[in-house]
Amino acid sequence: MGAVYLTHSNVIIDYFNGRLNHRGRLYLESVEPEISVISQIEILSGKSASAAEIDLLKQFVSIAKVYEVNSIIADKTVYLRLNYNIKLADALIAATAL
């Protein structure tokens, strides 16, 4: 089995807004997406997104493997927050990736 990568919400947003570079677009279109539940929350709660954009994002989430937060991820998040200057949402996503 090859490497698996967790996709950050900023990458997903840039993809759907047409701001992701060509290589990034090709990569995202070639893998089954894997995201943190935090990314799910972030991409679906964009206040400037239209109803049509939210529908597209919901379709994306429906095909993605979504990782929930558990006690192991919570412990890693605490470690990251104590040792690095990372915002909570980003620490949760990073801990999920680890």
PDB file of N, CA and C in Angstrom:
ATOM      1  N   MET A   1       0.845  -1.181   0.000  1.00  0.00           N
ATOM      2  CA  MET A   1       0.000   0.000   0.000  1.00  0.00           C
ATOM      3  C   MET A   1       0.885   1.237   0.000  1.00  0.00           C
ATOM      4  N   GLY A   2       0.533   2.242  -0.805  1.00  0.00           N
ATOM      5  CA  GLY A   2       1.315   3.465  -0.906  1.00  0.00           C
ATOM      6  C   GLY A   2       1.025   4.417   0.236  1.00  0.00           C
ATOM      7  N   ALA A   3       1.716   5.526   0.194  1.00  0.00           N
ATOM      8  CA  ALA A   3       1.538   6.549   1.223  1.00  0.00           C
ATOM      9  C   ALA A   3       0.136   7.142   1.133  1.00  0.00           C
ATOM     10  N   VAL A   4      -0.388   7.488   2.291  1.00  0.00           N
ATOM     11  CA  VAL A   4      -1.701   8.121   2.383  1.00  0.00           C
ATOM     12  C   VAL A   4      -1.492   9.523   2.947  1.00  0.00           C
ATOM     13  N   TYR A   5      -2.155  10.497   2.374  1.00  0.00           N
ATOM     14  CA  TYR A   5      -1.993  11.874   2.809  1.00  0.00           C
ATOM     15  C   TYR A   5      -3.332  12.456   3.222  1.00  0.00           C
ATOM     16  N   LEU A   6      -3.310  13.136   4.349  1.00  0.00           N
ATOM     17  CA  LEU A   6      -4.479  13.858   4.822  1.00  0.00           C
ATOM     18  C   LEU A   6      -4.497  15.209   4.114  1.00  0.00           C
ATOM     19  N   THR A   7      -5.618  15.576   3.550  1.00  0.00           N
ATOM     20  CA  THR A   7      -5.716  16.840   2.826  1.00  0.00           C
ATOM     21  C   THR A   7      -6.226  17.930   3.761  1.00  0.00           C
ATOM     22  N   HIS A   8      -5.469  19.021   3.846  1.00  0.00           N
ATOM     23  CA  HIS A   8      -5.831  20.150   4.711  1.00  0.00           C
ATOM     24  C   HIS A   8      -6.974  20.943   4.078  1.00  0.00           C
ATOM     25  N   SER A   9      -7.792  21.534   4.912  1.00  0.00           N
ATOM     26  CA  SER A   9      -8.955  22.293   4.441  1.00  0.00           C
ATOM     27  C   SER A   9      -8.561  23.433   3.501  1.00  0.00           C
ATOM     28  N   ASN A  10      -7.420  24.078   3.725  1.00  0.00           N
ATOM     29  CA  ASN A  10      -6.999  25.170   2.833  1.00  0.00           C
ATOM     30  C   ASN A  10      -6.776  24.660   1.411  1.00  0.00           C
ATOM     31  N   VAL A  11      -6.234  23.458   1.281  1.00  0.00           N
ATOM     32  CA  VAL A  11      -6.009  22.867  -0.042  1.00  0.00           C
ATOM     33  C   VAL A  11      -7.348  22.599  -0.723  1.00  0.00           C
ATOM     34  N   ILE A  12      -8.295  22.084   0.026  1.00  0.00           N
ATOM     35  CA  ILE A  12      -9.621  21.793  -0.529  1.00  0.00           C
ATOM     36  C   ILE A  12     -10.299  23.079  -0.983  1.00  0.00           C
ATOM     37  N   ILE A  13     -10.235  24.097  -0.153  1.00  0.00           N
ATOM     38  CA  ILE A  13     -10.847  25.384  -0.495  1.00  0.00           C
ATOM     39  C   ILE A  13     -10.186  25.967  -1.737  1.00  0.00           C
ATOM     40  N   ASP A  14      -8.844  25.935  -1.797  1.00  0.00           N
ATOM     41  CA  ASP A  14      -8.133  26.446  -2.978  1.00  0.00           C
ATOM     42  C   ASP A  14      -8.497  25.649  -4.226  1.00  0.00           C
ATOM     43  N   TYR A  15      -8.662  24.339  -4.086  1.00  0.00           N
ATOM     44  CA  TYR A  15      -9.059  23.509  -5.224  1.00  0.00           C
ATOM     45  C   TYR A  15     -10.412  23.967  -5.765  1.00  0.00           C
ATOM     46  N   PHE A  16     -11.387  24.101  -4.882  1.00  0.00           N
ATOM     47  CA  PHE A  16     -12.733  24.461  -5.322  1.00  0.00           C
ATOM     48  C   PHE A  16     -12.840  25.911  -5.788  1.00  0.00           C
ATOM     49  N   ASN A  17     -11.927  26.760  -5.348  1.00  0.00           N
ATOM     50  CA  ASN A  17     -11.913  28.157  -5.801  1.00  0.00           C
ATOM     51  C   ASN A  17     -11.038  28.360  -7.028  1.00  0.00           C
ATOM     52  N   GLY A  18     -10.428  27.282  -7.540  1.00  0.00           N
ATOM     53  CA  GLY A  18      -9.586  27.371  -8.727  1.00  0.00           C
ATOM     54  C   GLY A  18      -8.228  28.015  -8.468  1.00  0.00           C
ATOM     55  N   ARG A  19      -7.789  28.044  -7.219  1.00  0.00           N
ATOM     56  CA  ARG A  19      -6.509  28.676  -6.883  1.00  0.00           C
ATOM     57  C   ARG A  19      -5.387  27.674  -6.655  1.00  0.00           C
ATOM     58  N   LEU A  20      -5.693  26.394  -6.702  1.00  0.00           N
ATOM     59  CA  LEU A  20      -4.668  25.373  -6.479  1.00  0.00           C
ATOM     60  C   LEU A  20      -3.886  25.174  -7.771  1.00  0.00           C
ATOM     61  N   ASN A  21      -2.550  25.068  -7.656  1.00  0.00           N
ATOM     62  CA  ASN A  21      -1.730  24.924  -8.868  1.00  0.00           C
ATOM     63  C   ASN A  21      -2.040  23.605  -9.574  1.00  0.00           C
ATOM     64  N   HIS A  22      -1.541  23.515 -10.795  1.00  0.00           N
ATOM     65  CA  HIS A  22      -1.852  22.389 -11.671  1.00  0.00           C
ATOM     66  C   HIS A  22      -1.460  21.051 -11.048  1.00  0.00           C
ATOM     67  N   ARG A  23      -0.259  20.961 -10.498  1.00  0.00           N
ATOM     68  CA  ARG A  23       0.190  19.701  -9.888  1.00  0.00           C
ATOM     69  C   ARG A  23      -0.699  19.309  -8.708  1.00  0.00           C
ATOM     70  N   GLY A  24      -1.087  20.286  -7.909  1.00  0.00           N
ATOM     71  CA  GLY A  24      -1.971  20.016  -6.781  1.00  0.00           C
ATOM     72  C   GLY A  24      -3.324  19.513  -7.242  1.00  0.00           C
ATOM     73  N   ARG A  25      -3.848  20.130  -8.298  1.00  0.00           N
ATOM     74  CA  ARG A  25      -5.137  19.698  -8.853  1.00  0.00           C
ATOM     75  C   ARG A  25      -5.054  18.258  -9.355  1.00  0.00           C
ATOM     76  N   LEU A  26      -3.979  17.973 -10.101  1.00  0.00           N
ATOM     77  CA  LEU A  26      -3.808  16.611 -10.629  1.00  0.00           C
ATOM     78  C   LEU A  26      -3.733  15.599  -9.497  1.00  0.00           C
ATOM     79  N   TYR A  27      -2.995  15.935  -8.444  1.00  0.00           N
ATOM     80  CA  TYR A  27      -2.873  15.020  -7.319  1.00  0.00           C
ATOM     81  C   TYR A  27      -4.239  14.769  -6.684  1.00  0.00           C
ATOM     82  N   LEU A  28      -4.955  15.841  -6.346  1.00  0.00           N
ATOM     83  CA  LEU A  28      -6.251  15.671  -5.676  1.00  0.00           C
ATOM     84  C   LEU A  28      -7.235  14.885  -6.525  1.00  0.00           C
ATOM     85  N   GLU A  29      -7.141  15.035  -7.822  1.00  0.00           N
ATOM     86  CA  GLU A  29      -8.055  14.333  -8.717  1.00  0.00           C
ATOM     87  C   GLU A  29      -7.666  12.869  -8.915  1.00  0.00           C
ATOM     88  N   SER A  30      -6.484  12.483  -8.414  1.00  0.00           N
ATOM     89  CA  SER A  30      -6.015  11.114  -8.627  1.00  0.00           C
ATOM     90  C   SER A  30      -6.108  10.232  -7.378  1.00  0.00           C
ATOM     91  N   VAL A  31      -6.517  10.799  -6.254  1.00  0.00           N
ATOM     92  CA  VAL A  31      -6.574  10.023  -5.006  1.00  0.00           C
ATOM     93  C   VAL A  31      -7.969  10.071  -4.412  1.00  0.00           C
ATOM     94  N   GLU A  32      -8.243   9.087  -3.566  1.00  0.00           N
ATOM     95  CA  GLU A  32      -9.463   9.160  -2.771  1.00  0.00           C
ATOM     96  C   GLU A  32      -9.158  10.067  -1.592  1.00  0.00           C
ATOM     97  N   PRO A  33      -9.938  11.121  -1.406  1.00  0.00           N
ATOM     98  CA  PRO A  33      -9.602  12.100  -0.373  1.00  0.00           C
ATOM     99  C   PRO A  33      -9.738  11.556   1.042  1.00  0.00           C
ATOM    100  N   GLU A  34      -8.809  11.979   1.895  1.00  0.00           N
ATOM    101  CA  GLU A  34      -8.838  11.652   3.314  1.00  0.00           C
ATOM    102  C   GLU A  34      -8.677  12.966   4.061  1.00  0.00           C
ATOM    103  N   ILE A  35      -9.628  13.244   4.968  1.00  0.00           N
ATOM    104  CA  ILE A  35      -9.632  14.513   5.680  1.00  0.00           C
ATOM    105  C   ILE A  35      -9.941  14.305   7.155  1.00  0.00           C
ATOM    106  N   SER A  36      -9.579  15.305   7.934  1.00  0.00           N
ATOM    107  CA  SER A  36      -9.960  15.338   9.342  1.00  0.00           C
ATOM    108  C   SER A  36     -11.386  15.866   9.452  1.00  0.00           C
ATOM    109  N   VAL A  37     -12.093  15.448  10.484  1.00  0.00           N
ATOM    110  CA  VAL A  37     -13.423  16.006  10.738  1.00  0.00           C
ATOM    111  C   VAL A  37     -13.321  17.524  10.933  1.00  0.00           C
ATOM    112  N   ILE A  38     -12.164  18.006  11.386  1.00  0.00           N
ATOM    113  CA  ILE A  38     -11.955  19.446  11.536  1.00  0.00           C
ATOM    114  C   ILE A  38     -11.987  20.127  10.169  1.00  0.00           C
ATOM    115  N   SER A  39     -11.357  19.512   9.174  1.00  0.00           N
ATOM    116  CA  SER A  39     -11.417  20.051   7.811  1.00  0.00           C
ATOM    117  C   SER A  39     -12.847  20.045   7.287  1.00  0.00           C
ATOM    118  N   GLN A  40     -13.577  18.983   7.588  1.00  0.00           N
ATOM    119  CA  GLN A  40     -14.983  18.924   7.182  1.00  0.00           C
ATOM    120  C   GLN A  40     -15.741  20.127   7.743  1.00  0.00           C
ATOM    121  N   ILE A  41     -15.543  20.393   9.014  1.00  0.00           N
ATOM    122  CA  ILE A  41     -16.222  21.521   9.650  1.00  0.00           C
ATOM    123  C   ILE A  41     -15.795  22.834   8.999  1.00  0.00           C
ATOM    124  N   GLU A  42     -14.492  22.995   8.789  1.00  0.00           N
ATOM    125  CA  GLU A  42     -13.992  24.249   8.215  1.00  0.00           C
ATOM    126  C   GLU A  42     -14.526  24.503   6.809  1.00  0.00           C
ATOM    127  N   ILE A  43     -14.510  23.471   5.948  1.00  0.00           N
ATOM    128  CA  ILE A  43     -14.931  23.730   4.569  1.00  0.00           C
ATOM    129  C   ILE A  43     -16.443  23.913   4.439  1.00  0.00           C
ATOM    130  N   LEU A  44     -17.203  23.296   5.338  1.00  0.00           N
ATOM    131  CA  LEU A  44     -18.663  23.424   5.230  1.00  0.00           C
ATOM    132  C   LEU A  44     -19.216  24.643   5.969  1.00  0.00           C
ATOM    133  N   SER A  45     -18.372  25.346   6.703  1.00  0.00           N
ATOM    134  CA  SER A  45     -18.871  26.505   7.449  1.00  0.00           C
ATOM    135  C   SER A  45     -18.364  27.824   6.892  1.00  0.00           C
ATOM    136  N   GLY A  46     -17.943  27.818   5.624  1.00  0.00           N
ATOM    137  CA  GLY A  46     -17.505  29.063   4.989  1.00  0.00           C
ATOM    138  C   GLY A  46     -18.680  29.997   4.768  1.00  0.00           C
ATOM    139  N   LYS A  47     -18.623  31.142   5.380  1.00  0.00           N
ATOM    140  CA  LYS A  47     -19.756  32.080   5.312  1.00  0.00           C
ATOM    141  C   LYS A  47     -19.941  32.703   3.935  1.00  0.00           C
ATOM    142  N   SER A  48     -18.874  32.743   3.134  1.00  0.00           N
ATOM    143  CA  SER A  48     -18.997  33.364   1.818  1.00  0.00           C
ATOM    144  C   SER A  48     -19.369  32.365   0.724  1.00  0.00           C
ATOM    145  N   ALA A  49     -19.498  31.093   1.075  1.00  0.00           N
ATOM    146  CA  ALA A  49     -19.825  30.068   0.083  1.00  0.00           C
ATOM    147  C   ALA A  49     -21.306  30.122  -0.276  1.00  0.00           C
ATOM    148  N   SER A  50     -21.573  29.970  -1.565  1.00  0.00           N
ATOM    149  CA  SER A  50     -22.957  29.932  -2.030  1.00  0.00           C
ATOM    150  C   SER A  50     -23.551  28.557  -1.731  1.00  0.00           C
ATOM    151  N   ALA A  51     -24.865  28.443  -1.887  1.00  0.00           N
ATOM    152  CA  ALA A  51     -25.539  27.162  -1.665  1.00  0.00           C
ATOM    153  C   ALA A  51     -25.004  26.108  -2.634  1.00  0.00           C
ATOM    154  N   ALA A  52     -24.739  26.493  -3.873  1.00  0.00           N
ATOM    155  CA  ALA A  52     -24.200  25.557  -4.873  1.00  0.00           C
ATOM    156  C   ALA A  52     -22.799  25.103  -4.475  1.00  0.00           C
ATOM    157  N   GLU A  53     -21.986  26.016  -3.955  1.00  0.00           N
ATOM    158  CA  GLU A  53     -20.639  25.661  -3.516  1.00  0.00           C
ATOM    159  C   GLU A  53     -20.690  24.714  -2.314  1.00  0.00           C
ATOM    160  N   ILE A  54     -21.586  24.978  -1.385  1.00  0.00           N
ATOM    161  CA  ILE A  54     -21.740  24.098  -0.229  1.00  0.00           C
ATOM    162  C   ILE A  54     -22.181  22.713  -0.678  1.00  0.00           C
ATOM    163  N   ASP A  55     -23.066  22.634  -1.673  1.00  0.00           N
ATOM    164  CA  ASP A  55     -23.489  21.328  -2.197  1.00  0.00           C
ATOM    165  C   ASP A  55     -22.304  20.555  -2.780  1.00  0.00           C
ATOM    166  N   LEU A  56     -21.427  21.243  -3.533  1.00  0.00           N
ATOM    167  CA  LEU A  56     -20.234  20.598  -4.081  1.00  0.00           C
ATOM    168  C   LEU A  56     -19.313  20.105  -2.971  1.00  0.00           C
ATOM    169  N   LEU A  57     -19.145  20.939  -1.944  1.00  0.00           N
ATOM    170  CA  LEU A  57     -18.286  20.561  -0.826  1.00  0.00           C
ATOM    171  C   LEU A  57     -18.882  19.372  -0.060  1.00  0.00           C
ATOM    172  N   LYS A  58     -20.194  19.342   0.090  1.00  0.00           N
ATOM    173  CA  LYS A  58     -20.843  18.199   0.743  1.00  0.00           C
ATOM    174  C   LYS A  58     -20.631  16.923  -0.063  1.00  0.00           C
ATOM    175  N   GLN A  59     -20.680  17.027  -1.390  1.00  0.00           N
ATOM    176  CA  GLN A  59     -20.414  15.862  -2.244  1.00  0.00           C
ATOM    177  C   GLN A  59     -18.976  15.383  -2.040  1.00  0.00           C
ATOM    178  N   PHE A  60     -18.044  16.345  -1.954  1.00  0.00           N
ATOM    179  CA  PHE A  60     -16.647  16.003  -1.699  1.00  0.00           C
ATOM    180  C   PHE A  60     -16.515  15.252  -0.376  1.00  0.00           C
ATOM    181  N   VAL A  61     -17.110  15.781   0.678  1.00  0.00           N
ATOM    182  CA  VAL A  61     -17.033  15.153   2.000  1.00  0.00           C
ATOM    183  C   VAL A  61     -17.657  13.757   1.961  1.00  0.00           C
ATOM    184  N   SER A  62     -18.728  13.580   1.190  1.00  0.00           N
ATOM    185  CA  SER A  62     -19.405  12.279   1.151  1.00  0.00           C
ATOM    186  C   SER A  62     -18.531  11.187   0.547  1.00  0.00           C
ATOM    187  N   ILE A  63     -17.566  11.556  -0.298  1.00  0.00           N
ATOM    188  CA  ILE A  63     -16.677  10.536  -0.877  1.00  0.00           C
ATOM    189  C   ILE A  63     -15.346  10.445  -0.130  1.00  0.00           C
ATOM    190  N   ALA A  64     -15.104  11.370   0.787  1.00  0.00           N
ATOM    191  CA  ALA A  64     -13.838  11.380   1.530  1.00  0.00           C
ATOM    192  C   ALA A  64     -13.899  10.424   2.715  1.00  0.00           C
ATOM    193  N   LYS A  65     -12.736   9.898   3.072  1.00  0.00           N
ATOM    194  CA  LYS A  65     -12.613   9.189   4.337  1.00  0.00           C
ATOM    195  C   LYS A  65     -12.376  10.264   5.385  1.00  0.00           C
ATOM    196  N   VAL A  66     -13.273  10.365   6.363  1.00  0.00           N
ATOM    197  CA  VAL A  66     -13.203  11.409   7.379  1.00  0.00           C
ATOM    198  C   VAL A  66     -12.739  10.784   8.689  1.00  0.00           C
ATOM    199  N   TYR A  67     -11.636  11.306   9.212  1.00  0.00           N
ATOM    200  CA  TYR A  67     -11.089  10.812  10.478  1.00  0.00           C
ATOM    201  C   TYR A  67     -11.655  11.626  11.631  1.00  0.00           C
ATOM    202  N   GLU A  68     -12.272  10.928  12.565  1.00  0.00           N
ATOM    203  CA  GLU A  68     -12.832  11.571  13.756  1.00  0.00           C
ATOM    204  C   GLU A  68     -11.721  11.813  14.777  1.00  0.00           C
ATOM    205  N   VAL A  69     -11.966  12.699  15.728  1.00  0.00           N
ATOM    206  CA  VAL A  69     -11.033  12.940  16.821  1.00  0.00           C
ATOM    207  C   VAL A  69     -11.251  11.865  17.885  1.00  0.00           C
ATOM    208  N   ASN A  70     -10.166  11.257  18.319  1.00  0.00           N
ATOM    209  CA  ASN A  70     -10.233  10.272  19.397  1.00  0.00           C
ATOM    210  C   ASN A  70      -9.204  10.649  20.463  1.00  0.00           C
ATOM    211  N   SER A  71      -9.062   9.846  21.472  1.00  0.00           N
ATOM    212  CA  SER A  71      -8.168  10.197  22.579  1.00  0.00           C
ATOM    213  C   SER A  71      -6.705  10.234  22.148  1.00  0.00           C
ATOM    214  N   ILE A  72      -6.312   9.394  21.204  1.00  0.00           N
ATOM    215  CA  ILE A  72      -4.929   9.421  20.714  1.00  0.00           C
ATOM    216  C   ILE A  72      -4.661  10.735  19.987  1.00  0.00           C
ATOM    217  N   ILE A  73      -5.580  11.143  19.128  1.00  0.00           N
ATOM    218  CA  ILE A  73      -5.435  12.412  18.412  1.00  0.00           C
ATOM    219  C   ILE A  73      -5.471  13.576  19.400  1.00  0.00           C
ATOM    220  N   ALA A  74      -6.331  13.497  20.395  1.00  0.00           N
ATOM    221  CA  ALA A  74      -6.395  14.558  21.411  1.00  0.00           C
ATOM    222  C   ALA A  74      -5.060  14.697  22.131  1.00  0.00           C
ATOM    223  N   ASP A  75      -4.446  13.572  22.522  1.00  0.00           N
ATOM    224  CA  ASP A  75      -3.146  13.615  23.204  1.00  0.00           C
ATOM    225  C   ASP A  75      -2.061  14.218  22.316  1.00  0.00           C
ATOM    226  N   LYS A  76      -2.058  13.839  21.037  1.00  0.00           N
ATOM    227  CA  LYS A  76      -1.073  14.406  20.105  1.00  0.00           C
ATOM    228  C   LYS A  76      -1.312  15.903  19.903  1.00  0.00           C
ATOM    229  N   THR A  77      -2.579  16.299  19.896  1.00  0.00           N
ATOM    230  CA  THR A  77      -2.917  17.717  19.755  1.00  0.00           C
ATOM    231  C   THR A  77      -2.379  18.514  20.937  1.00  0.00           C
ATOM    232  N   VAL A  78      -2.556  17.990  22.126  1.00  0.00           N
ATOM    233  CA  VAL A  78      -2.024  18.646  23.328  1.00  0.00           C
ATOM    234  C   VAL A  78      -0.517  18.800  23.205  1.00  0.00           C
ATOM    235  N   TYR A  79       0.172  17.738  22.812  1.00  0.00           N
ATOM    236  CA  TYR A  79       1.623  17.796  22.648  1.00  0.00           C
ATOM    237  C   TYR A  79       2.009  18.899  21.651  1.00  0.00           C
ATOM    238  N   LEU A  80       1.338  18.928  20.494  1.00  0.00           N
ATOM    239  CA  LEU A  80       1.659  19.930  19.477  1.00  0.00           C
ATOM    240  C   LEU A  80       1.413  21.354  19.978  1.00  0.00           C
ATOM    241  N   ARG A  81       0.294  21.536  20.687  1.00  0.00           N
ATOM    242  CA  ARG A  81      -0.031  22.872  21.204  1.00  0.00           C
ATOM    243  C   ARG A  81       0.965  23.312  22.269  1.00  0.00           C
ATOM    244  N   LEU A  82       1.449  22.386  23.091  1.00  0.00           N
ATOM    245  CA  LEU A  82       2.397  22.731  24.156  1.00  0.00           C
ATOM    246  C   LEU A  82       3.807  22.987  23.619  1.00  0.00           C
ATOM    247  N   ASN A  83       4.147  22.357  22.504  1.00  0.00           N
ATOM    248  CA  ASN A  83       5.519  22.439  22.003  1.00  0.00           C
ATOM    249  C   ASN A  83       5.709  23.305  20.767  1.00  0.00           C
ATOM    250  N   TYR A  84       4.623  23.701  20.139  1.00  0.00           N
ATOM    251  CA  TYR A  84       4.703  24.521  18.930  1.00  0.00           C
ATOM    252  C   TYR A  84       3.610  25.585  18.989  1.00  0.00           C
ATOM    253  N   ASN A  85       3.815  26.636  18.280  1.00  0.00           N
ATOM    254  CA  ASN A  85       2.827  27.717  18.238  1.00  0.00           C
ATOM    255  C   ASN A  85       1.830  27.411  17.115  1.00  0.00           C
ATOM    256  N   ILE A  86       0.865  26.547  17.405  1.00  0.00           N
ATOM    257  CA  ILE A  86      -0.099  26.090  16.404  1.00  0.00           C
ATOM    258  C   ILE A  86      -1.518  26.352  16.907  1.00  0.00           C
ATOM    259  N   LYS A  87      -2.346  26.897  16.024  1.00  0.00           N
ATOM    260  CA  LYS A  87      -3.755  27.098  16.363  1.00  0.00           C
ATOM    261  C   LYS A  87      -4.418  25.738  16.577  1.00  0.00           C
ATOM    262  N   LEU A  88      -5.480  25.735  17.363  1.00  0.00           N
ATOM    263  CA  LEU A  88      -6.143  24.492  17.736  1.00  0.00           C
ATOM    264  C   LEU A  88      -6.573  23.669  16.521  1.00  0.00           C
ATOM    265  N   ALA A  89      -7.269  24.282  15.576  1.00  0.00           N
ATOM    266  CA  ALA A  89      -7.754  23.518  14.417  1.00  0.00           C
ATOM    267  C   ALA A  89      -6.593  22.906  13.645  1.00  0.00           C
ATOM    268  N   ASP A  90      -5.538  23.671  13.434  1.00  0.00           N
ATOM    269  CA  ASP A  90      -4.383  23.147  12.696  1.00  0.00           C
ATOM    270  C   ASP A  90      -3.670  22.053  13.489  1.00  0.00           C
ATOM    271  N   ALA A  91      -3.608  22.206  14.815  1.00  0.00           N
ATOM    272  CA  ALA A  91      -2.994  21.166  15.660  1.00  0.00           C
ATOM    273  C   ALA A  91      -3.808  19.872  15.592  1.00  0.00           C
ATOM    274  N   LEU A  92      -5.130  19.976  15.582  1.00  0.00           N
ATOM    275  CA  LEU A  92      -5.978  18.789  15.458  1.00  0.00           C
ATOM    276  C   LEU A  92      -5.768  18.096  14.110  1.00  0.00           C
ATOM    277  N   ILE A  93      -5.683  18.872  13.046  1.00  0.00           N
ATOM    278  CA  ILE A  93      -5.460  18.298  11.716  1.00  0.00           C
ATOM    279  C   ILE A  93      -4.079  17.645  11.655  1.00  0.00           C
ATOM    280  N   ALA A  94      -3.064  18.331  12.181  1.00  0.00           N
ATOM    281  CA  ALA A  94      -1.705  17.777  12.193  1.00  0.00           C
ATOM    282  C   ALA A  94      -1.655  16.500  13.028  1.00  0.00           C
ATOM    283  N   ALA A  95      -2.289  16.500  14.178  1.00  0.00           N
ATOM    284  CA  ALA A  95      -2.296  15.308  15.033  1.00  0.00           C
ATOM    285  C   ALA A  95      -2.996  14.147  14.329  1.00  0.00           C
ATOM    286  N   THR A  96      -4.033  14.437  13.597  1.00  0.00           N
ATOM    287  CA  THR A  96      -4.732  13.390  12.830  1.00  0.00           C
ATOM    288  C   THR A  96      -3.805  12.825  11.762  1.00  0.00           C
ATOM    289  N   ALA A  97      -3.058  13.698  11.095  1.00  0.00           N
ATOM    290  CA  ALA A  97      -2.138  13.248  10.062  1.00  0.00           C
ATOM    291  C   ALA A  97      -1.024  12.378  10.646  1.00  0.00           C
ATOM    292  N   LEU A  98      -0.570  12.757  11.842  1.00  0.00           N
ATOM    293  CA  LEU A  98       0.492  11.964  12.484  1.00  0.00           C
ATOM    294  C   LEU A  98      -0.007  10.588  12.877  1.00  0.00           C
TER     295      LEU A  98
END
